[in-house]
Amino acid sequence: MAFDDDIQMKYKEMLANYIQELTEQALYEGQRFSWKAIEHKIPPEEIINIHLKVLKELFPDIPKKILDSFDFLLEVMVGYGLAYQEHQFLRGRQLELKSEIEIAANVQQALLQTNIPKVEELDIGVISVPAKIMNGDYYQFAEHENTMSVAIADVIGKGIPAALCISMIKYAMDSLLESRQNPSYILENLNRVVEQNIDVNMFITMFFGKYDFRTNKITYASAGHEPGFYYCASEDRFYDLQSKGLVLGVDRQVKYEQYELNLFQNDMIILLSDGVTETRTKEGFIDRAAVTSAIRAHLHLPAQQIVENIYKDFEKMQGFQLRDDFTLIIMKKNV
């Protein structure tokens, strides 16, 4: 779009006024002109053209070399204008995608929401914080008469693909839990779902346990998930939870071994994702002993306060920048 004569005359008046007075008010008139130019989508090279024409009228004796320099400036502005347009387009797309991802994250959060059981026998604490906007970790509780099940899973990967896998796992789990089968059965059936529906390059680890309130016994199985801990109160000692099993989605025919553990007063089951044990400090990754030491430091607190305090401690270790999704569950036997 070229400037018409009226606009050119207005620009000439503003420029002459500024050169004569050199005031802030005169500069402000130039700003107002630029806003009008943007409003009418006038490219920067057109503004340079009018500036050059006005200069020739105001100062007919300007050396030719000075005038020639405007050809160079015009080329710069043409390139700048094209790059700026592309930048604005990409920025708009980025904001659009960010908005869509935020909506998807809110939907995922609603889909994965699970109620933490309020039971007399167990004090339960849970914290799950994604490293990015969407979570690649998943946990779920379910109550059935005299039993309570707990699941924790982790997609090997981060971001949107991991979040989509986790959402699929949640709905597969919902249907399987209705069967009220033992942990090994649940994992074997879930493994077939994953093997059929998830990309061969993606794998999922999972721990699934079922606690019986009548016997105070937890029965569990693991599909390659980060080993949890068992805290024996009578010995004041932490043990690794005995578990082994192939990650979900590798072999459709795999069988999962089942384990049992009796809980007594003040005993604890600690479940976690590898985002906890792979906390990285300036000295490198922490070891598992650092996790149990952190738990021991807060043993006197309710389970929810324990997990929240540990998260704050580990977040601080990493300079308040999570490198992986962080999920920690503590179940403490009350009576």
C-alpha atoms as a PDB file:
ATOM      1  CA  MET A   1       0.000   0.000   0.000  1.00  0.00           C
ATOM      2  CA  ALA A   2       1.500   3.323  -1.065  1.00  0.00           C
ATOM      3  CA  PHE A   3       1.108   6.555   0.856  1.00  0.00           C
ATOM      4  CA  ASP A   4      -1.235   9.071  -0.741  1.00  0.00           C
ATOM      5  CA  ASP A   5      -0.374  12.788  -1.023  1.00  0.00           C
ATOM      6  CA  ASP A   6      -2.216  13.767   2.153  1.00  0.00           C
ATOM      7  CA  ILE A   7      -0.302  11.252   4.257  1.00  0.00           C
ATOM      8  CA  GLN A   8       2.964  12.320   2.652  1.00  0.00           C
ATOM      9  CA  MET A   9       2.229  15.968   3.468  1.00  0.00           C
ATOM     10  CA  LYS A  10       1.379  15.042   7.062  1.00  0.00           C
ATOM     11  CA  TYR A  11       4.627  13.116   7.421  1.00  0.00           C
ATOM     12  CA  LYS A  12       6.588  16.030   5.953  1.00  0.00           C
ATOM     13  CA  GLU A  13       4.997  18.389   8.462  1.00  0.00           C
ATOM     14  CA  MET A  14       5.823  16.093  11.402  1.00  0.00           C
ATOM     15  CA  LEU A  15       9.440  15.534  10.300  1.00  0.00           C
ATOM     16  CA  ALA A  16      10.077  19.227   9.687  1.00  0.00           C
ATOM     17  CA  ASN A  17       8.591  20.064  13.062  1.00  0.00           C
ATOM     18  CA  TYR A  18      10.812  17.555  14.823  1.00  0.00           C
ATOM     19  CA  ILE A  19      14.010  18.715  13.053  1.00  0.00           C
ATOM     20  CA  GLN A  20      13.233  22.298  14.005  1.00  0.00           C
ATOM     21  CA  GLU A  21      12.149  21.744  17.632  1.00  0.00           C
ATOM     22  CA  LEU A  22      13.693  18.375  18.719  1.00  0.00           C
ATOM     23  CA  THR A  23      11.022  17.986  21.417  1.00  0.00           C
ATOM     24  CA  GLU A  24       9.411  14.969  23.086  1.00  0.00           C
ATOM     25  CA  GLN A  25       6.040  16.088  21.778  1.00  0.00           C
ATOM     26  CA  ALA A  26       7.345  16.033  18.226  1.00  0.00           C
ATOM     27  CA  LEU A  27       8.686  12.480  18.771  1.00  0.00           C
ATOM     28  CA  TYR A  28       5.313  11.448  20.148  1.00  0.00           C
ATOM     29  CA  GLU A  29       3.697  12.557  16.881  1.00  0.00           C
ATOM     30  CA  GLY A  30       6.002  10.103  15.121  1.00  0.00           C
ATOM     31  CA  GLN A  31       4.828   7.312  17.427  1.00  0.00           C
ATOM     32  CA  ARG A  32       1.212   8.124  16.653  1.00  0.00           C
ATOM     33  CA  PHE A  33       2.023   7.964  12.957  1.00  0.00           C
ATOM     34  CA  SER A  34       3.555   4.509  13.378  1.00  0.00           C
ATOM     35  CA  TRP A  35       0.418   3.258  15.158  1.00  0.00           C
ATOM     36  CA  LYS A  36      -1.672   4.454  12.229  1.00  0.00           C
ATOM     37  CA  ALA A  37       0.687   2.739   9.797  1.00  0.00           C
ATOM     38  CA  ILE A  38       0.357  -0.555  11.689  1.00  0.00           C
ATOM     39  CA  GLU A  39      -3.413  -0.148  11.835  1.00  0.00           C
ATOM     40  CA  HIS A  40      -3.524   0.202   8.043  1.00  0.00           C
ATOM     41  CA  LYS A  41      -0.999  -2.649   7.567  1.00  0.00           C
ATOM     42  CA  ILE A  42       1.561  -0.375   5.887  1.00  0.00           C
ATOM     43  CA  PRO A  43       4.911  -2.188   5.564  1.00  0.00           C
ATOM     44  CA  PRO A  44       8.093  -0.575   6.949  1.00  0.00           C
ATOM     45  CA  GLU A  45       9.668  -0.170   3.494  1.00  0.00           C
ATOM     46  CA  GLU A  46       6.813   2.173   2.488  1.00  0.00           C
ATOM     47  CA  ILE A  47       7.567   4.371   5.496  1.00  0.00           C
ATOM     48  CA  ILE A  48      11.206   4.546   4.403  1.00  0.00           C
ATOM     49  CA  ASN A  49      10.132   5.560   0.898  1.00  0.00           C
ATOM     50  CA  ILE A  50       8.050   8.464   2.194  1.00  0.00           C
ATOM     51  CA  HIS A  51      10.853   9.479   4.536  1.00  0.00           C
ATOM     52  CA  LEU A  52      13.274   9.590   1.581  1.00  0.00           C
ATOM     53  CA  LYS A  53      10.872  11.659  -0.547  1.00  0.00           C
ATOM     54  CA  VAL A  54      10.311  14.141   2.250  1.00  0.00           C
ATOM     55  CA  LEU A  55      14.039  14.473   2.916  1.00  0.00           C
ATOM     56  CA  LYS A  56      14.636  15.344  -0.734  1.00  0.00           C
ATOM     57  CA  GLU A  57      11.999  18.073  -0.501  1.00  0.00           C
ATOM     58  CA  LEU A  58      13.274  19.479   2.778  1.00  0.00           C
ATOM     59  CA  PHE A  59      16.989  19.227   1.923  1.00  0.00           C
ATOM     60  CA  PRO A  60      17.510  19.299  -1.856  1.00  0.00           C
ATOM     61  CA  ASP A  61      21.304  19.405  -1.412  1.00  0.00           C
ATOM     62  CA  ILE A  62      21.658  16.073   0.423  1.00  0.00           C
ATOM     63  CA  PRO A  63      24.690  14.206  -1.014  1.00  0.00           C
ATOM     64  CA  LYS A  64      23.795  11.424  -3.432  1.00  0.00           C
ATOM     65  CA  LYS A  65      25.734   8.875  -1.361  1.00  0.00           C
ATOM     66  CA  ILE A  66      23.448   9.564   1.576  1.00  0.00           C
ATOM     67  CA  LEU A  67      20.395   9.102  -0.597  1.00  0.00           C
ATOM     68  CA  ASP A  68      21.843   5.897  -2.054  1.00  0.00           C
ATOM     69  CA  SER A  69      22.170   4.484   1.456  1.00  0.00           C
ATOM     70  CA  PHE A  70      18.384   4.350   1.622  1.00  0.00           C
ATOM     71  CA  ASP A  71      18.407   1.642  -1.066  1.00  0.00           C
ATOM     72  CA  PHE A  72      20.373  -0.500   1.364  1.00  0.00           C
ATOM     73  CA  LEU A  73      17.983   0.333   4.202  1.00  0.00           C
ATOM     74  CA  LEU A  74      15.018  -0.553   2.023  1.00  0.00           C
ATOM     75  CA  GLU A  75      16.434  -4.027   1.375  1.00  0.00           C
ATOM     76  CA  VAL A  76      17.010  -4.491   5.079  1.00  0.00           C
ATOM     77  CA  MET A  77      13.434  -3.486   5.846  1.00  0.00           C
ATOM     78  CA  VAL A  78      11.969  -5.748   3.154  1.00  0.00           C
ATOM     79  CA  GLY A  79      13.781  -8.725   4.697  1.00  0.00           C
ATOM     80  CA  TYR A  80      12.814  -7.584   8.165  1.00  0.00           C
ATOM     81  CA  GLY A  81       9.179  -7.242   7.181  1.00  0.00           C
ATOM     82  CA  LEU A  82       9.012 -10.753   5.757  1.00  0.00           C
ATOM     83  CA  ALA A  83      10.771 -12.234   8.788  1.00  0.00           C
ATOM     84  CA  TYR A  84       8.487 -10.303  11.126  1.00  0.00           C
ATOM     85  CA  GLN A  85       5.375 -11.553   9.357  1.00  0.00           C
ATOM     86  CA  GLU A  86       6.614 -15.124   9.650  1.00  0.00           C
ATOM     87  CA  HIS A  87       7.463 -14.565  13.311  1.00  0.00           C
ATOM     88  CA  GLN A  88       3.981 -13.236  14.010  1.00  0.00           C
ATOM     89  CA  PHE A  89       2.393 -16.193  12.228  1.00  0.00           C
ATOM     90  CA  LEU A  90       4.499 -18.721  14.162  1.00  0.00           C
ATOM     91  CA  ARG A  91       3.859 -16.905  17.420  1.00  0.00           C
ATOM     92  CA  GLY A  92       0.145 -17.058  16.771  1.00  0.00           C
ATOM     93  CA  ARG A  93       0.345 -20.792  16.054  1.00  0.00           C
ATOM     94  CA  GLN A  94       2.456 -21.302  19.185  1.00  0.00           C
ATOM     95  CA  LEU A  95      -0.110 -19.516  21.349  1.00  0.00           C
ATOM     96  CA  GLU A  96      -2.880 -21.528  19.721  1.00  0.00           C
ATOM     97  CA  LEU A  97      -1.079 -24.814  20.396  1.00  0.00           C
ATOM     98  CA  LYS A  98      -0.286 -23.757  23.956  1.00  0.00           C
ATOM     99  CA  SER A  99      -3.956 -23.058  24.558  1.00  0.00           C
ATOM    100  CA  GLU A 100      -4.944 -26.440  23.112  1.00  0.00           C
ATOM    101  CA  ILE A 101      -2.346 -28.248  25.247  1.00  0.00           C
ATOM    102  CA  GLU A 102      -3.544 -26.468  28.383  1.00  0.00           C
ATOM    103  CA  ILE A 103      -7.104 -27.550  27.606  1.00  0.00           C
ATOM    104  CA  ALA A 104      -5.891 -31.123  27.004  1.00  0.00           C
ATOM    105  CA  ALA A 105      -3.969 -31.059  30.294  1.00  0.00           C
ATOM    106  CA  ASN A 106      -7.096 -29.963  32.163  1.00  0.00           C
ATOM    107  CA  VAL A 107      -9.095 -32.714  30.464  1.00  0.00           C
ATOM    108  CA  GLN A 108      -6.416 -35.265  31.358  1.00  0.00           C
ATOM    109  CA  GLN A 109      -6.385 -34.111  34.968  1.00  0.00           C
ATOM    110  CA  ALA A 110     -10.149 -34.557  35.158  1.00  0.00           C
ATOM    111  CA  LEU A 111     -10.001 -37.976  33.476  1.00  0.00           C
ATOM    112  CA  LEU A 112      -7.257 -39.297  35.764  1.00  0.00           C
ATOM    113  CA  GLN A 113      -8.755 -37.933  38.962  1.00  0.00           C
ATOM    114  CA  THR A 114      -9.093 -40.599  41.659  1.00  0.00           C
ATOM    115  CA  ASN A 115     -10.388 -40.307  45.180  1.00  0.00           C
ATOM    116  CA  ILE A 116      -7.889 -41.098  47.914  1.00  0.00           C
ATOM    117  CA  PRO A 117      -9.636 -43.517  50.290  1.00  0.00           C
ATOM    118  CA  LYS A 118     -10.415 -42.307  53.802  1.00  0.00           C
ATOM    119  CA  VAL A 119     -10.188 -45.511  55.806  1.00  0.00           C
ATOM    120  CA  GLU A 120      -9.548 -46.114  59.482  1.00  0.00           C
ATOM    121  CA  GLU A 121      -6.965 -48.807  58.852  1.00  0.00           C
ATOM    122  CA  LEU A 122      -4.637 -46.808  56.600  1.00  0.00           C
ATOM    123  CA  ASP A 123      -3.219 -43.286  56.538  1.00  0.00           C
ATOM    124  CA  ILE A 124      -2.646 -42.500  52.843  1.00  0.00           C
ATOM    125  CA  GLY A 125      -0.626 -39.666  51.359  1.00  0.00           C
ATOM    126  CA  VAL A 126      -0.224 -38.939  47.634  1.00  0.00           C
ATOM    127  CA  ILE A 127       1.562 -36.345  45.536  1.00  0.00           C
ATOM    128  CA  SER A 128       1.895 -36.402  41.743  1.00  0.00           C
ATOM    129  CA  VAL A 129       3.498 -33.479  39.888  1.00  0.00           C
ATOM    130  CA  PRO A 130       4.208 -33.498  36.118  1.00  0.00           C
ATOM    131  CA  ALA A 131       7.579 -32.287  34.858  1.00  0.00           C
ATOM    132  CA  LYS A 132       5.759 -30.704  31.898  1.00  0.00           C
ATOM    133  CA  ILE A 133       2.210 -29.536  31.485  1.00  0.00           C
ATOM    134  CA  MET A 134       0.877 -33.083  30.967  1.00  0.00           C
ATOM    135  CA  ASN A 135       1.563 -36.031  33.256  1.00  0.00           C
ATOM    136  CA  GLY A 136       3.220 -39.296  32.177  1.00  0.00           C
ATOM    137  CA  ASP A 137       2.641 -40.786  35.635  1.00  0.00           C
ATOM    138  CA  TYR A 138      -0.630 -42.302  36.773  1.00  0.00           C
ATOM    139  CA  TYR A 139      -2.029 -43.577  40.039  1.00  0.00           C
ATOM    140  CA  GLN A 140      -5.426 -44.937  40.977  1.00  0.00           C
ATOM    141  CA  PHE A 141      -7.234 -46.188  44.064  1.00  0.00           C
ATOM    142  CA  ALA A 142     -10.391 -48.301  44.154  1.00  0.00           C
ATOM    143  CA  GLU A 143     -12.397 -49.680  47.083  1.00  0.00           C
ATOM    144  CA  HIS A 144     -14.402 -52.940  46.994  1.00  0.00           C
ATOM    145  CA  GLU A 145     -16.098 -54.057  50.205  1.00  0.00           C
ATOM    146  CA  ASN A 146     -13.203 -55.473  52.271  1.00  0.00           C
ATOM    147  CA  THR A 147     -10.384 -54.603  49.884  1.00  0.00           C
ATOM    148  CA  MET A 148      -8.664 -51.568  48.424  1.00  0.00           C
ATOM    149  CA  SER A 149      -6.545 -51.591  45.270  1.00  0.00           C
ATOM    150  CA  VAL A 150      -3.742 -49.204  44.408  1.00  0.00           C
ATOM    151  CA  ALA A 151      -1.990 -48.759  41.066  1.00  0.00           C
ATOM    152  CA  ILE A 152       0.928 -46.604  40.001  1.00  0.00           C
ATOM    153  CA  ALA A 153       2.242 -46.468  36.435  1.00  0.00           C
ATOM    154  CA  ASP A 154       4.857 -44.591  34.456  1.00  0.00           C
ATOM    155  CA  VAL A 155       5.186 -44.253  30.684  1.00  0.00           C
ATOM    156  CA  ILE A 156       8.796 -44.417  29.516  1.00  0.00           C
ATOM    157  CA  GLY A 157       8.808 -40.956  27.983  1.00  0.00           C
ATOM    158  CA  LYS A 158       7.311 -37.529  28.594  1.00  0.00           C
ATOM    159  CA  GLY A 159       4.939 -35.020  27.079  1.00  0.00           C
ATOM    160  CA  ILE A 160       1.783 -35.522  25.039  1.00  0.00           C
ATOM    161  CA  PRO A 161       2.462 -39.112  23.761  1.00  0.00           C
ATOM    162  CA  ALA A 162       3.055 -40.292  27.338  1.00  0.00           C
ATOM    163  CA  ALA A 163      -0.062 -38.499  28.549  1.00  0.00           C
ATOM    164  CA  LEU A 164      -2.211 -40.120  25.846  1.00  0.00           C
ATOM    165  CA  CYS A 165      -0.901 -43.567  26.826  1.00  0.00           C
ATOM    166  CA  ILE A 166      -1.672 -42.922  30.464  1.00  0.00           C
ATOM    167  CA  SER A 167      -5.234 -41.900  29.600  1.00  0.00           C
ATOM    168  CA  MET A 168      -5.724 -45.175  27.719  1.00  0.00           C
ATOM    169  CA  ILE A 169      -4.302 -47.144  30.658  1.00  0.00           C
ATOM    170  CA  LYS A 170      -6.744 -45.461  33.023  1.00  0.00           C
ATOM    171  CA  TYR A 171      -9.783 -46.578  31.061  1.00  0.00           C
ATOM    172  CA  ALA A 172      -8.434 -50.084  30.607  1.00  0.00           C
ATOM    173  CA  MET A 173      -7.884 -50.236  34.370  1.00  0.00           C
ATOM    174  CA  ASP A 174     -11.440 -49.068  35.068  1.00  0.00           C
ATOM    175  CA  SER A 175     -12.869 -52.046  33.215  1.00  0.00           C
ATOM    176  CA  LEU A 176     -10.390 -54.540  34.678  1.00  0.00           C
ATOM    177  CA  LEU A 177     -10.991 -53.431  38.255  1.00  0.00           C
ATOM    178  CA  GLU A 178     -14.631 -54.402  37.941  1.00  0.00           C
ATOM    179  CA  SER A 179     -13.503 -58.025  37.697  1.00  0.00           C
ATOM    180  CA  ARG A 180     -11.955 -57.777  41.205  1.00  0.00           C
ATOM    181  CA  GLN A 181      -9.241 -60.209  40.172  1.00  0.00           C
ATOM    182  CA  ASN A 182      -5.816 -60.615  41.747  1.00  0.00           C
ATOM    183  CA  PRO A 183      -2.874 -58.355  40.766  1.00  0.00           C
ATOM    184  CA  SER A 184      -1.172 -60.823  38.434  1.00  0.00           C
ATOM    185  CA  TYR A 185      -4.404 -61.252  36.440  1.00  0.00           C
ATOM    186  CA  ILE A 186      -4.872 -57.485  36.197  1.00  0.00           C
ATOM    187  CA  LEU A 187      -1.340 -56.896  34.873  1.00  0.00           C
ATOM    188  CA  GLU A 188      -1.486 -59.789  32.410  1.00  0.00           C
ATOM    189  CA  ASN A 189      -4.710 -58.493  30.868  1.00  0.00           C
ATOM    190  CA  LEU A 190      -3.503 -54.914  30.892  1.00  0.00           C
ATOM    191  CA  ASN A 191      -0.296 -56.048  29.178  1.00  0.00           C
ATOM    192  CA  ARG A 192      -2.324 -57.464  26.277  1.00  0.00           C
ATOM    193  CA  VAL A 193      -4.201 -54.166  25.925  1.00  0.00           C
ATOM    194  CA  VAL A 194      -0.935 -52.209  25.824  1.00  0.00           C
ATOM    195  CA  GLU A 195       0.721 -54.634  23.399  1.00  0.00           C
ATOM    196  CA  GLN A 196      -2.177 -54.284  20.963  1.00  0.00           C
ATOM    197  CA  ASN A 197      -2.768 -50.540  21.170  1.00  0.00           C
ATOM    198  CA  ILE A 198       0.476 -48.704  21.914  1.00  0.00           C
ATOM    199  CA  ASP A 199       3.405 -47.974  19.603  1.00  0.00           C
ATOM    200  CA  VAL A 200       6.179 -50.551  19.766  1.00  0.00           C
ATOM    201  CA  ASN A 201       8.622 -47.867  20.887  1.00  0.00           C
ATOM    202  CA  MET A 202       6.612 -46.969  23.984  1.00  0.00           C
ATOM    203  CA  PHE A 203       6.569 -48.987  27.187  1.00  0.00           C
ATOM    204  CA  ILE A 204       4.741 -48.669  30.474  1.00  0.00           C
ATOM    205  CA  THR A 205       5.793 -49.763  33.939  1.00  0.00           C
ATOM    206  CA  MET A 206       3.183 -50.479  36.588  1.00  0.00           C
ATOM    207  CA  PHE A 207       2.762 -51.631  40.171  1.00  0.00           C
ATOM    208  CA  PHE A 208      -0.623 -52.987  41.185  1.00  0.00           C
ATOM    209  CA  GLY A 209      -1.534 -54.044  44.701  1.00  0.00           C
ATOM    210  CA  LYS A 210      -4.630 -55.086  46.608  1.00  0.00           C
ATOM    211  CA  TYR A 211      -4.946 -54.606  50.359  1.00  0.00           C
ATOM    212  CA  ASP A 212      -7.322 -56.822  52.354  1.00  0.00           C
ATOM    213  CA  PHE A 213      -8.675 -55.078  55.463  1.00  0.00           C
ATOM    214  CA  ARG A 214      -9.679 -58.401  57.043  1.00  0.00           C
ATOM    215  CA  THR A 215      -6.223 -59.983  56.908  1.00  0.00           C
ATOM    216  CA  ASN A 216      -4.058 -56.808  56.869  1.00  0.00           C
ATOM    217  CA  LYS A 217      -2.283 -58.324  53.883  1.00  0.00           C
ATOM    218  CA  ILE A 218      -1.238 -56.595  50.663  1.00  0.00           C
ATOM    219  CA  THR A 219      -0.935 -58.718  47.535  1.00  0.00           C
ATOM    220  CA  TYR A 220       0.877 -57.149  44.621  1.00  0.00           C
ATOM    221  CA  ALA A 221       2.628 -57.587  41.276  1.00  0.00           C
ATOM    222  CA  SER A 222       4.915 -55.371  39.234  1.00  0.00           C
ATOM    223  CA  ALA A 223       5.535 -54.834  35.536  1.00  0.00           C
ATOM    224  CA  GLY A 224       9.061 -53.465  35.614  1.00  0.00           C
ATOM    225  CA  HIS A 225       8.078 -50.556  37.862  1.00  0.00           C
ATOM    226  CA  GLU A 226      10.496 -48.712  40.126  1.00  0.00           C
ATOM    227  CA  PRO A 227      10.691 -50.874  43.297  1.00  0.00           C
ATOM    228  CA  GLY A 228       8.957 -49.347  46.253  1.00  0.00           C
ATOM    229  CA  PHE A 229       9.796 -49.705  49.929  1.00  0.00           C
ATOM    230  CA  TYR A 230       8.379 -51.525  52.916  1.00  0.00           C
ATOM    231  CA  TYR A 231       8.984 -49.895  56.273  1.00  0.00           C
ATOM    232  CA  CYS A 232       8.897 -52.382  59.151  1.00  0.00           C
ATOM    233  CA  ALA A 233       8.038 -50.365  62.256  1.00  0.00           C
ATOM    234  CA  SER A 234       9.009 -53.075  64.758  1.00  0.00           C
ATOM    235  CA  GLU A 235      12.525 -53.162  63.272  1.00  0.00           C
ATOM    236  CA  ASP A 236      12.611 -49.466  62.322  1.00  0.00           C
ATOM    237  CA  ARG A 237      14.026 -50.563  58.983  1.00  0.00           C
ATOM    238  CA  PHE A 238      13.299 -50.039  55.280  1.00  0.00           C
ATOM    239  CA  TYR A 239      13.247 -52.921  52.812  1.00  0.00           C
ATOM    240  CA  ASP A 240      12.959 -52.856  49.028  1.00  0.00           C
ATOM    241  CA  LEU A 241       9.622 -54.277  47.946  1.00  0.00           C
ATOM    242  CA  GLN A 242      10.339 -57.627  46.351  1.00  0.00           C
ATOM    243  CA  SER A 243       9.072 -57.411  42.795  1.00  0.00           C
ATOM    244  CA  LYS A 244      10.035 -58.317  39.276  1.00  0.00           C
ATOM    245  CA  GLY A 245       8.286 -58.432  35.943  1.00  0.00           C
ATOM    246  CA  LEU A 246       8.552 -57.316  32.333  1.00  0.00           C
ATOM    247  CA  VAL A 247       7.315 -53.839  31.406  1.00  0.00           C
ATOM    248  CA  LEU A 248       3.888 -53.720  29.761  1.00  0.00           C
ATOM    249  CA  GLY A 249       3.683 -53.989  25.995  1.00  0.00           C
ATOM    250  CA  VAL A 250       6.723 -56.145  25.203  1.00  0.00           C
ATOM    251  CA  ASP A 251       5.498 -59.738  25.269  1.00  0.00           C
ATOM    252  CA  ARG A 252       1.805 -60.518  24.994  1.00  0.00           C
ATOM    253  CA  GLN A 253       2.170 -63.897  26.722  1.00  0.00           C
ATOM    254  CA  VAL A 254       4.178 -62.766  29.745  1.00  0.00           C
ATOM    255  CA  LYS A 255       3.093 -63.912  33.226  1.00  0.00           C
ATOM    256  CA  TYR A 256       3.508 -61.779  36.341  1.00  0.00           C
ATOM    257  CA  GLU A 257       4.606 -63.153  39.672  1.00  0.00           C
ATOM    258  CA  GLN A 258       2.540 -62.233  42.694  1.00  0.00           C
ATOM    259  CA  TYR A 259       3.828 -61.339  46.159  1.00  0.00           C
ATOM    260  CA  GLU A 260       2.273 -60.978  49.606  1.00  0.00           C
ATOM    261  CA  LEU A 261       3.161 -58.909  52.640  1.00  0.00           C
ATOM    262  CA  ASN A 262       1.514 -58.637  56.064  1.00  0.00           C
ATOM    263  CA  LEU A 263       1.269 -55.150  57.547  1.00  0.00           C
ATOM    264  CA  PHE A 264       1.358 -54.365  61.246  1.00  0.00           C
ATOM    265  CA  GLN A 265       0.771 -51.156  63.166  1.00  0.00           C
ATOM    266  CA  ASN A 266       2.880 -48.216  61.869  1.00  0.00           C
ATOM    267  CA  ASP A 267       4.267 -50.281  58.970  1.00  0.00           C
ATOM    268  CA  MET A 268       4.357 -48.424  55.643  1.00  0.00           C
ATOM    269  CA  ILE A 269       4.208 -49.204  51.945  1.00  0.00           C
ATOM    270  CA  ILE A 270       5.973 -46.587  49.816  1.00  0.00           C
ATOM    271  CA  LEU A 271       5.286 -46.496  46.069  1.00  0.00           C
ATOM    272  CA  LEU A 272       6.996 -44.103  43.684  1.00  0.00           C
ATOM    273  CA  SER A 273       7.849 -43.300  40.093  1.00  0.00           C
ATOM    274  CA  ASP A 274      11.419 -43.062  38.845  1.00  0.00           C
ATOM    275  CA  GLY A 275      11.066 -39.279  38.895  1.00  0.00           C
ATOM    276  CA  VAL A 276      11.636 -39.575  42.652  1.00  0.00           C
ATOM    277  CA  THR A 277      14.712 -41.804  42.602  1.00  0.00           C
ATOM    278  CA  GLU A 278      16.178 -39.991  39.593  1.00  0.00           C
ATOM    279  CA  THR A 279      16.240 -36.649  41.369  1.00  0.00           C
ATOM    280  CA  ARG A 280      19.459 -35.008  40.196  1.00  0.00           C
ATOM    281  CA  THR A 281      21.634 -32.665  42.233  1.00  0.00           C
ATOM    282  CA  LYS A 282      24.908 -30.928  41.349  1.00  0.00           C
ATOM    283  CA  GLU A 283      26.698 -34.091  42.443  1.00  0.00           C
ATOM    284  CA  GLY A 284      24.565 -36.372  40.252  1.00  0.00           C
ATOM    285  CA  PHE A 285      21.563 -38.639  40.802  1.00  0.00           C
ATOM    286  CA  ILE A 286      20.549 -39.406  44.370  1.00  0.00           C
ATOM    287  CA  ASP A 287      20.508 -43.021  45.554  1.00  0.00           C
ATOM    288  CA  ARG A 288      17.558 -44.896  47.024  1.00  0.00           C
ATOM    289  CA  ALA A 289      18.957 -44.406  50.507  1.00  0.00           C
ATOM    290  CA  ALA A 290      18.322 -40.667  50.108  1.00  0.00           C
ATOM    291  CA  VAL A 291      14.610 -41.399  49.635  1.00  0.00           C
ATOM    292  CA  THR A 292      14.347 -43.526  52.776  1.00  0.00           C
ATOM    293  CA  SER A 293      16.373 -40.955  54.731  1.00  0.00           C
ATOM    294  CA  ALA A 294      13.931 -38.250  53.665  1.00  0.00           C
ATOM    295  CA  ILE A 295      10.976 -40.400  54.733  1.00  0.00           C
ATOM    296  CA  ARG A 296      12.620 -41.164  58.076  1.00  0.00           C
ATOM    297  CA  ALA A 297      13.095 -37.439  58.720  1.00  0.00           C
ATOM    298  CA  HIS A 298       9.310 -36.960  58.529  1.00  0.00           C
ATOM    299  CA  LEU A 299       8.061 -40.217  60.098  1.00  0.00           C
ATOM    300  CA  HIS A 300       6.324 -38.340  62.911  1.00  0.00           C
ATOM    301  CA  LEU A 301       3.985 -36.598  60.439  1.00  0.00           C
ATOM    302  CA  PRO A 302       0.744 -37.773  58.764  1.00  0.00           C
ATOM    303  CA  ALA A 303       1.288 -39.512  55.414  1.00  0.00           C
ATOM    304  CA  GLN A 304       0.102 -36.550  53.307  1.00  0.00           C
ATOM    305  CA  GLN A 305       2.483 -34.174  55.034  1.00  0.00           C
ATOM    306  CA  ILE A 306       5.327 -36.657  54.556  1.00  0.00           C
ATOM    307  CA  VAL A 307       4.901 -36.837  50.767  1.00  0.00           C
ATOM    308  CA  GLU A 308       4.462 -33.066  50.458  1.00  0.00           C
ATOM    309  CA  ASN A 309       7.582 -32.338  52.513  1.00  0.00           C
ATOM    310  CA  ILE A 310       9.640 -34.839  50.528  1.00  0.00           C
ATOM    311  CA  TYR A 311       8.498 -33.257  47.267  1.00  0.00           C
ATOM    312  CA  LYS A 312       9.510 -29.809  48.505  1.00  0.00           C
ATOM    313  CA  ASP A 313      12.917 -31.138  49.625  1.00  0.00           C
ATOM    314  CA  PHE A 314      13.585 -32.898  46.311  1.00  0.00           C
ATOM    315  CA  GLU A 315      12.287 -29.986  44.233  1.00  0.00           C
ATOM    316  CA  LYS A 316      14.729 -27.706  46.046  1.00  0.00           C
ATOM    317  CA  MET A 317      17.580 -30.172  45.357  1.00  0.00           C
ATOM    318  CA  GLN A 318      16.895 -29.795  41.616  1.00  0.00           C
ATOM    319  CA  GLY A 319      16.792 -26.023  41.638  1.00  0.00           C
ATOM    320  CA  PHE A 320      12.965 -26.052  41.466  1.00  0.00           C
ATOM    321  CA  GLN A 321      13.072 -27.618  37.988  1.00  0.00           C
ATOM    322  CA  LEU A 322      11.653 -31.157  37.751  1.00  0.00           C
ATOM    323  CA  ARG A 323      13.408 -33.359  35.197  1.00  0.00           C
ATOM    324  CA  ASP A 324      10.767 -36.088  35.296  1.00  0.00           C
ATOM    325  CA  ASP A 325       7.221 -36.625  36.515  1.00  0.00           C
ATOM    326  CA  PHE A 326       7.225 -37.020  40.300  1.00  0.00           C
ATOM    327  CA  THR A 327       4.751 -39.372  42.014  1.00  0.00           C
ATOM    328  CA  LEU A 328       5.001 -40.593  45.594  1.00  0.00           C
ATOM    329  CA  ILE A 329       2.450 -42.653  47.567  1.00  0.00           C
ATOM    330  CA  ILE A 330       2.702 -43.606  51.237  1.00  0.00           C
ATOM    331  CA  MET A 331       0.278 -45.995  52.937  1.00  0.00           C
ATOM    332  CA  LYS A 332       0.774 -46.240  56.687  1.00  0.00           C
ATOM    333  CA  LYS A 333      -0.938 -48.923  58.780  1.00  0.00           C
ATOM    334  CA  ASN A 334      -2.819 -47.260  61.619  1.00  0.00           C
ATOM    335  CA  VAL A 335      -4.365 -50.100  63.589  1.00  0.00           C
END
